Each structure stands twice: as structure tokens, then as C-alpha cells.
Amino acid sequence: MNTRTAVITGAAGGLGRATARQLLAAGFDIIAVTRDERSAQATAESLTAHARGRTVHALHADLVDRTAVRALAERLRDTVGHIDVLLNNAGAAFPQYAETADGAERTHALNHLAPFHLAHLLLADALFAPTARIINISSDLVTRGRVDTDDPDVTGASWRDRYAQIAVYGTTKLMGLLATTALATRLPAGMHAYSASPGVIRTGFNDKSGGLLKAASLVSSLFAQSPEKAAHTPVLLATAPTPPTPNGGFFAKGAAATPPKSARDPELAAKIYDATAHTLGLVPL
């Protein structure tokens, strides 16, 4: 396994595309995952121009749909022999409440359920290399998350009549951070899982999200960083010769950081992990 392979979701632009380019430069083969066929083709063409002898594959899947997540896992099994890095970068902050075909609120489906689902399907298929790293993109907005510590709602259906875009987005990122912490304690020895906050990025994410996030972008754009600079933390986690510590940790600005108090509850992390696995019909590790 001399060739390292990284799978990157949300690779059509912004942070995902920048991370893919930097991992290609670091010697990785790349499997870029985008939402649809058109963006996959454009991404493949763009990344191939930076490949420098590395291999680029582009797959597409609408990750709010659990059936699409399962289909993606099957296509990865047919495409690659092993995965050294899974970077779960795809995400969104939808301005209004809407449910997926599976009955989950869309933001929860894409930001929390999909990365958890994909990682566990790949684990079940034994596609991860023995020293694989799972990197989940987090956000500074985890501080705005709200989780019922007694009965965490991993599908987001409880937001139906009280939807608040920033709070829902922050909640999905908080759940993802907690689930990543729990996952790290369950992975086989040698594997690692991390949460990485890239900070505020000039990608148009807030503009596309609409709602309050679009309004906030007018202010945040004044101190936002480029996708290339924001990629520093996930790239470091993917490429460091010695796996960064702590396993399951929260990283920002290229170093381990202290997550908010709400994300430092191991009992809540275990509850969210178990509830998410149950919701997705997975056997917990």
C-alpha cells in the first residue's frame, strides 16, 4: 500500500477542492465526491490538471439521501482497494425546514448522518487502511448548537415548528463533533478520527445558504480566509507522519483546540453515537 488514497466529499469547490489539490501535491490519489454528475466531471478535469502523476477519480452522490450514501460506498468498493483518508467535507445550512425521504431534517441528514453513515459503511466493508484517518469538517458555530442531553434528536425532526438556521447548523456540527469523539474510542487500533474547524472561509457558502447566514456573510467576509489557507488544518491531519493527538480531538488553526463545554461530555457523545447508529440501522462499533 505505497500509494495513499483520500476520499473527499463536497469536493466541487471551496475547501473541498483546495484540500484535494494540496493532498495531490502531497502524493495522494484522490477520489472527489460531488453532488451531481456535471460537477463531478468539472471537478475531475480541474483536479487532473494538478495531478502530477497521481490518480483522480470523481464520483457523485446527493448525500442527504441514505440510499445515495449506500450507493456511494458500493462505488468506492468498486473503485479503490483501500482508503487512507476520508475527509467528510460536504455540508450545508438550509434556510427553511424540510425533510428528506428518510424523514430527517436536511441539515442533519447532510452534516451529521451522512458522514457517520459513510464512515461506518466503509468500516464494515474493510476499505480503510490499518492506519486510516477519518476527518470530519466542523465549524466555529458548534457554540450555537443545542442538544437535549437526555434524548438527543439526531434526525432534527424536533425543529419542525421552531426552525432557526444558525442554531440548526450549529447543532449538526456539535453532534458531529461529539459523534467523532465517540467513534475514535471505538475504532480499531491504528485508526484515528478527528474534527477540524477551518474557520471562516471565502467560498460563498453563506451566500448560497441564504437566510441569516447570508446576512452574516457581509460582516464575516471582512476577515474570511481563502480556501487554500483554510485547508491547512485538514491537510495537516491527513498528512502528519505521526497521527496528531488526541485521537478524536477538535483541531483548529493547525493545532489541537479546546472545544466548547457542550462538546466535552463523553456520556452525551456515547448517546449521540448510539442514537445515530440506531437511526441508520447500523451495528455500533
Protein backbone atom coordinates (compact mmCIF):
# COMPACT_ATOMS: atom_id res chain seq x y z
CA MET A 1 0.00 0.00 0.00
CA ASN A 2 2.60 2.54 -1.06
CA THR A 3 0.02 4.77 -2.73
CA ARG A 4 -2.15 6.72 -0.32
CA THR A 5 -5.75 7.43 -1.28
CA ALA A 6 -8.00 10.17 0.07
CA VAL A 7 -11.77 10.37 -0.38
CA ILE A 8 -13.10 13.93 -0.15
CA THR A 9 -16.81 14.75 -0.13
CA GLY A 10 -18.01 18.20 -1.11
CA ALA A 11 -15.06 18.45 -3.49
CA ALA A 12 -16.70 20.56 -6.20
CA GLY A 13 -15.25 23.81 -4.89
CA GLY A 14 -14.13 25.83 -1.91
CA LEU A 15 -12.47 23.96 0.93
CA GLY A 16 -13.01 20.52 -0.62
CA ARG A 17 -11.34 21.44 -3.92
CA ALA A 18 -8.47 23.25 -2.18
CA THR A 19 -7.84 20.30 0.12
CA ALA A 20 -7.88 17.91 -2.82
CA ARG A 21 -5.26 19.98 -4.66
CA GLN A 22 -3.00 20.07 -1.62
CA LEU A 23 -3.31 16.34 -0.99
CA LEU A 24 -2.48 15.66 -4.63
CA ALA A 25 0.67 17.74 -4.14
CA ALA A 26 1.43 15.65 -1.05
CA GLY A 27 1.33 12.46 -3.12
CA PHE A 28 -2.21 11.21 -2.56
CA ASP A 29 -4.51 9.74 -5.15
CA ILE A 30 -7.88 11.49 -4.85
CA ILE A 31 -11.46 10.34 -5.07
CA ALA A 32 -13.52 13.52 -5.25
CA VAL A 33 -17.19 13.25 -4.40
CA THR A 34 -19.63 15.91 -5.60
CA ARG A 35 -23.40 16.21 -5.63
CA ASP A 36 -24.16 15.55 -9.30
CA GLU A 37 -22.63 14.22 -12.50
CA ARG A 38 -21.97 17.64 -14.03
CA SER A 39 -19.98 18.88 -11.03
CA ALA A 40 -18.12 15.57 -10.84
CA GLN A 41 -16.94 15.94 -14.43
CA ALA A 42 -15.83 19.54 -13.89
CA THR A 43 -14.04 18.60 -10.67
CA ALA A 44 -12.23 15.69 -12.33
CA GLU A 45 -11.00 17.97 -15.11
CA SER A 46 -9.83 20.64 -12.68
CA LEU A 47 -8.04 18.28 -10.32
CA THR A 48 -6.41 16.28 -13.12
CA ALA A 49 -4.63 19.47 -14.13
CA HIS A 50 -2.93 19.41 -10.71
CA ALA A 51 -2.45 15.63 -10.50
CA ARG A 52 1.30 15.45 -11.28
CA GLY A 53 1.15 11.76 -11.95
CA ARG A 54 -1.40 10.98 -9.26
CA THR A 55 -4.78 9.38 -9.99
CA VAL A 56 -8.04 11.33 -9.77
CA HIS A 57 -11.49 9.78 -9.71
CA ALA A 58 -14.71 11.77 -9.38
CA LEU A 59 -17.95 10.24 -8.12
CA HIS A 60 -21.30 11.90 -7.43
CA ALA A 61 -23.93 11.34 -4.75
CA ASP A 62 -26.60 13.51 -3.15
CA LEU A 63 -25.64 12.73 0.42
CA VAL A 64 -28.90 13.89 2.01
CA ASP A 65 -30.31 10.60 0.70
CA ARG A 66 -29.30 7.49 2.66
CA THR A 67 -29.77 5.33 -0.43
CA ALA A 68 -27.23 7.53 -2.22
CA VAL A 69 -24.78 7.16 0.66
CA ARG A 70 -25.05 3.38 0.43
CA ALA A 71 -24.60 3.53 -3.35
CA LEU A 72 -21.51 5.72 -2.91
CA ALA A 73 -19.99 3.19 -0.52
CA GLU A 74 -20.56 0.47 -3.11
CA ARG A 75 -18.94 2.55 -5.85
CA LEU A 76 -15.95 3.23 -3.62
CA ARG A 77 -15.60 -0.50 -3.05
CA ASP A 78 -15.52 -0.98 -6.83
CA THR A 79 -13.14 1.95 -7.42
CA VAL A 80 -10.36 1.62 -4.86
CA GLY A 81 -8.62 -1.09 -2.91
CA HIS A 82 -8.04 0.91 0.25
CA ILE A 83 -8.72 4.35 1.74
CA ASP A 84 -6.14 6.12 3.87
CA VAL A 85 -8.10 9.33 4.50
CA LEU A 86 -11.82 10.03 4.48
CA LEU A 87 -12.49 13.76 4.59
CA ASN A 88 -16.18 14.41 5.25
CA ASN A 89 -16.44 17.97 3.99
CA ALA A 90 -19.86 18.12 2.29
CA GLY A 91 -22.28 20.28 4.23
CA ALA A 92 -25.00 22.90 4.06
CA ALA A 93 -27.10 25.23 6.19
CA PHE A 94 -30.59 25.20 4.71
CA PRO A 95 -32.70 28.33 5.37
CA GLN A 96 -36.03 26.53 5.93
CA TYR A 97 -37.17 23.27 7.45
CA ALA A 98 -37.63 20.39 5.04
CA GLU A 99 -37.38 16.65 5.44
CA THR A 100 -35.59 14.08 3.34
CA ALA A 101 -37.26 10.95 2.01
CA ASP A 102 -35.93 9.22 5.13
CA GLY A 103 -37.74 11.65 7.44
CA ALA A 104 -34.70 13.59 8.63
CA GLU A 105 -34.28 17.36 8.55
CA ARG A 106 -31.98 18.15 5.60
CA THR A 107 -29.18 19.87 7.53
CA HIS A 108 -28.97 16.97 9.98
CA ALA A 109 -29.07 14.48 7.10
CA LEU A 110 -26.16 16.06 5.24
CA ASN A 111 -23.96 17.39 8.04
CA HIS A 112 -24.32 14.68 10.68
CA LEU A 113 -25.99 11.50 9.44
CA ALA A 114 -24.23 11.20 6.06
CA PRO A 115 -20.61 11.36 7.28
CA PHE A 116 -21.38 8.97 10.14
CA HIS A 117 -23.13 6.60 7.73
CA LEU A 118 -20.40 6.66 5.09
CA ALA A 119 -17.60 6.08 7.60
CA HIS A 120 -19.36 3.08 9.11
CA LEU A 121 -20.20 1.54 5.73
CA LEU A 122 -16.54 1.79 4.72
CA LEU A 123 -15.51 0.28 8.04
CA ALA A 124 -17.94 -2.60 7.51
CA ASP A 125 -16.50 -3.15 4.01
CA ALA A 126 -12.94 -3.19 5.44
CA LEU A 127 -11.95 -0.47 2.96
CA PHE A 128 -9.93 1.59 5.41
CA ALA A 129 -6.19 1.07 5.60
CA PRO A 130 -4.96 -0.07 9.05
CA THR A 131 -3.73 3.47 9.80
CA ALA A 132 -6.63 5.32 8.18
CA ARG A 133 -7.74 8.76 9.35
CA ILE A 134 -11.33 10.00 9.30
CA ILE A 135 -11.54 13.79 9.28
CA ASN A 136 -14.90 15.48 9.77
CA ILE A 137 -15.14 19.17 8.96
CA SER A 138 -16.57 21.05 11.91
CA SER A 139 -17.34 24.72 12.47
CA ASP A 140 -16.88 27.51 14.98
CA LEU A 141 -20.69 27.57 15.11
CA VAL A 142 -20.70 24.45 17.30
CA THR A 143 -21.09 27.02 20.08
CA ARG A 144 -24.61 27.74 18.76
CA GLY A 145 -25.66 24.10 18.91
CA ARG A 146 -28.45 22.89 21.21
CA VAL A 147 -28.71 19.23 22.14
CA ASP A 148 -31.14 17.57 24.55
CA THR A 149 -28.71 15.71 26.79
CA ASP A 150 -31.41 13.24 27.89
CA ASP A 151 -32.79 12.41 24.45
CA PRO A 152 -30.67 13.85 21.60
CA ASP A 153 -32.61 14.28 18.37
CA VAL A 154 -30.14 13.11 15.74
CA THR A 155 -32.62 13.45 12.86
CA GLY A 156 -33.59 17.07 13.58
CA ALA A 157 -37.33 16.43 13.30
CA SER A 158 -37.92 18.34 16.55
CA TRP A 159 -37.01 21.59 14.75
CA ARG A 160 -40.09 21.36 12.51
CA ASP A 161 -42.07 24.11 14.27
CA ARG A 162 -39.17 26.19 15.61
CA TYR A 163 -36.60 26.17 12.84
CA ALA A 164 -33.64 28.52 13.29
CA GLN A 165 -30.98 28.23 10.59
CA ILE A 166 -27.85 29.05 12.60
CA ALA A 167 -28.93 27.04 15.63
CA VAL A 168 -29.76 24.01 13.49
CA TYR A 169 -26.45 24.23 11.62
CA GLY A 170 -24.55 24.60 14.88
CA THR A 171 -26.44 21.66 16.35
CA THR A 172 -25.49 19.38 13.47
CA LYS A 173 -21.84 20.35 13.84
CA LEU A 174 -21.98 19.85 17.60
CA MET A 175 -23.47 16.39 17.14
CA GLY A 176 -20.83 15.59 14.56
CA LEU A 177 -18.07 16.64 16.93
CA LEU A 178 -19.45 14.52 19.76
CA ALA A 179 -20.00 11.51 17.49
CA THR A 180 -16.44 11.80 16.21
CA THR A 181 -15.12 11.75 19.77
CA ALA A 182 -17.11 8.58 20.46
CA LEU A 183 -16.07 6.98 17.16
CA ALA A 184 -12.38 7.48 17.95
CA THR A 185 -12.69 5.33 21.08
CA ARG A 186 -14.29 2.53 19.05
CA LEU A 187 -12.00 2.39 16.02
CA PRO A 188 -9.53 -0.45 15.55
CA ALA A 189 -6.06 0.26 16.95
CA GLY A 190 -4.07 2.35 14.50
CA MET A 191 -7.03 4.29 13.07
CA HIS A 192 -7.87 7.85 14.07
CA ALA A 193 -10.82 10.22 13.81
CA TYR A 194 -10.69 14.00 14.07
CA SER A 195 -12.89 17.09 13.88
CA ALA A 196 -11.37 20.04 12.02
CA SER A 197 -12.67 23.60 12.09
CA PRO A 198 -11.40 25.52 9.05
CA GLY A 199 -12.58 28.90 10.35
CA VAL A 200 -14.40 31.47 8.21
CA ILE A 201 -13.72 30.93 4.50
CA ARG A 202 -14.31 32.97 1.37
CA THR A 203 -16.25 30.31 -0.52
CA GLY A 204 -19.77 31.69 -1.00
CA PHE A 205 -21.09 29.07 1.45
CA ASN A 206 -23.02 31.66 3.46
CA ASP A 207 -24.39 33.36 0.35
CA LYS A 208 -25.66 30.05 -1.03
CA SER A 209 -27.18 29.16 2.34
CA GLY A 210 -29.44 32.21 2.34
CA GLY A 211 -31.26 33.35 5.46
CA LEU A 212 -29.29 34.80 8.37
CA LEU A 213 -26.06 33.20 7.21
CA LYS A 214 -26.19 35.22 4.00
CA ALA A 215 -26.63 38.40 6.02
CA ALA A 216 -23.77 37.39 8.30
CA SER A 217 -21.51 36.92 5.30
CA LEU A 218 -21.44 40.69 4.74
CA VAL A 219 -19.54 41.02 8.02
CA SER A 220 -17.59 37.76 8.04
CA SER A 221 -16.20 38.41 4.56
CA LEU A 222 -14.07 41.17 6.06
CA PHE A 223 -11.89 38.65 7.91
CA ALA A 224 -12.53 35.44 5.96
CA GLN A 225 -9.57 33.45 4.69
CA SER A 226 -9.01 31.78 1.36
CA PRO A 227 -9.93 28.11 0.90
CA GLU A 228 -6.24 27.36 0.34
CA LYS A 229 -5.33 28.75 3.77
CA ALA A 230 -8.36 27.17 5.45
CA ALA A 231 -7.26 23.77 4.13
CA HIS A 232 -4.18 23.87 6.37
CA THR A 233 -5.80 22.08 9.31
CA PRO A 234 -7.45 19.16 7.47
CA VAL A 235 -4.35 18.71 5.31
CA LEU A 236 -2.16 18.59 8.42
CA LEU A 237 -4.41 15.96 9.97
CA ALA A 238 -4.26 13.91 6.76
CA THR A 239 -0.53 14.13 6.14
CA ALA A 240 1.25 14.37 9.51
CA PRO A 241 3.77 11.48 9.64
CA THR A 242 2.74 10.73 13.22
CA PRO A 243 -1.02 10.83 13.86
CA PRO A 244 -1.86 14.03 15.72
CA THR A 245 -3.13 13.74 19.26
CA PRO A 246 -5.59 13.47 20.80
CA ASN A 247 -7.41 10.86 18.79
CA GLY A 248 -10.99 12.11 18.50
CA GLY A 249 -9.80 15.66 19.11
CA PHE A 250 -11.01 19.01 17.81
CA PHE A 251 -8.43 20.88 15.72
CA ALA A 252 -8.32 24.48 14.54
CA LYS A 253 -5.56 26.70 13.12
CA GLY A 254 -3.35 23.68 12.65
CA ALA A 255 -3.35 22.54 16.27
CA ALA A 256 -5.44 20.75 18.86
CA ALA A 257 -8.00 23.13 20.35
CA THR A 258 -10.40 23.04 23.26
CA PRO A 259 -13.96 22.50 22.05
CA PRO A 260 -16.88 24.21 23.82
CA LYS A 261 -18.03 22.71 27.10
CA SER A 262 -21.11 21.25 25.41
CA ALA A 263 -18.81 19.09 23.27
CA ARG A 264 -16.79 17.69 26.18
CA ASP A 265 -19.37 15.30 27.62
CA PRO A 266 -18.38 11.66 26.97
CA GLU A 267 -21.77 10.34 28.11
CA LEU A 268 -23.57 12.61 25.67
CA ALA A 269 -21.10 11.63 22.93
CA ALA A 270 -21.93 7.97 23.53
CA LYS A 271 -25.68 8.70 23.47
CA ILE A 272 -25.39 10.54 20.15
CA TYR A 273 -23.21 7.82 18.68
CA ASP A 274 -25.64 5.06 19.68
CA ALA A 275 -28.73 7.02 18.61
CA THR A 276 -27.19 7.80 15.23
CA ALA A 277 -26.19 4.19 14.62
CA HIS A 278 -29.72 3.05 15.58
CA THR A 279 -31.34 5.64 13.30
CA LEU A 280 -29.23 4.48 10.36
CA GLY A 281 -29.76 0.79 11.07
CA LEU A 282 -26.08 0.26 11.79
CA VAL A 283 -24.48 -2.04 14.32
CA PRO A 284 -22.48 0.18 16.73
CA LEU A 285 -18.75 -0.48 16.91
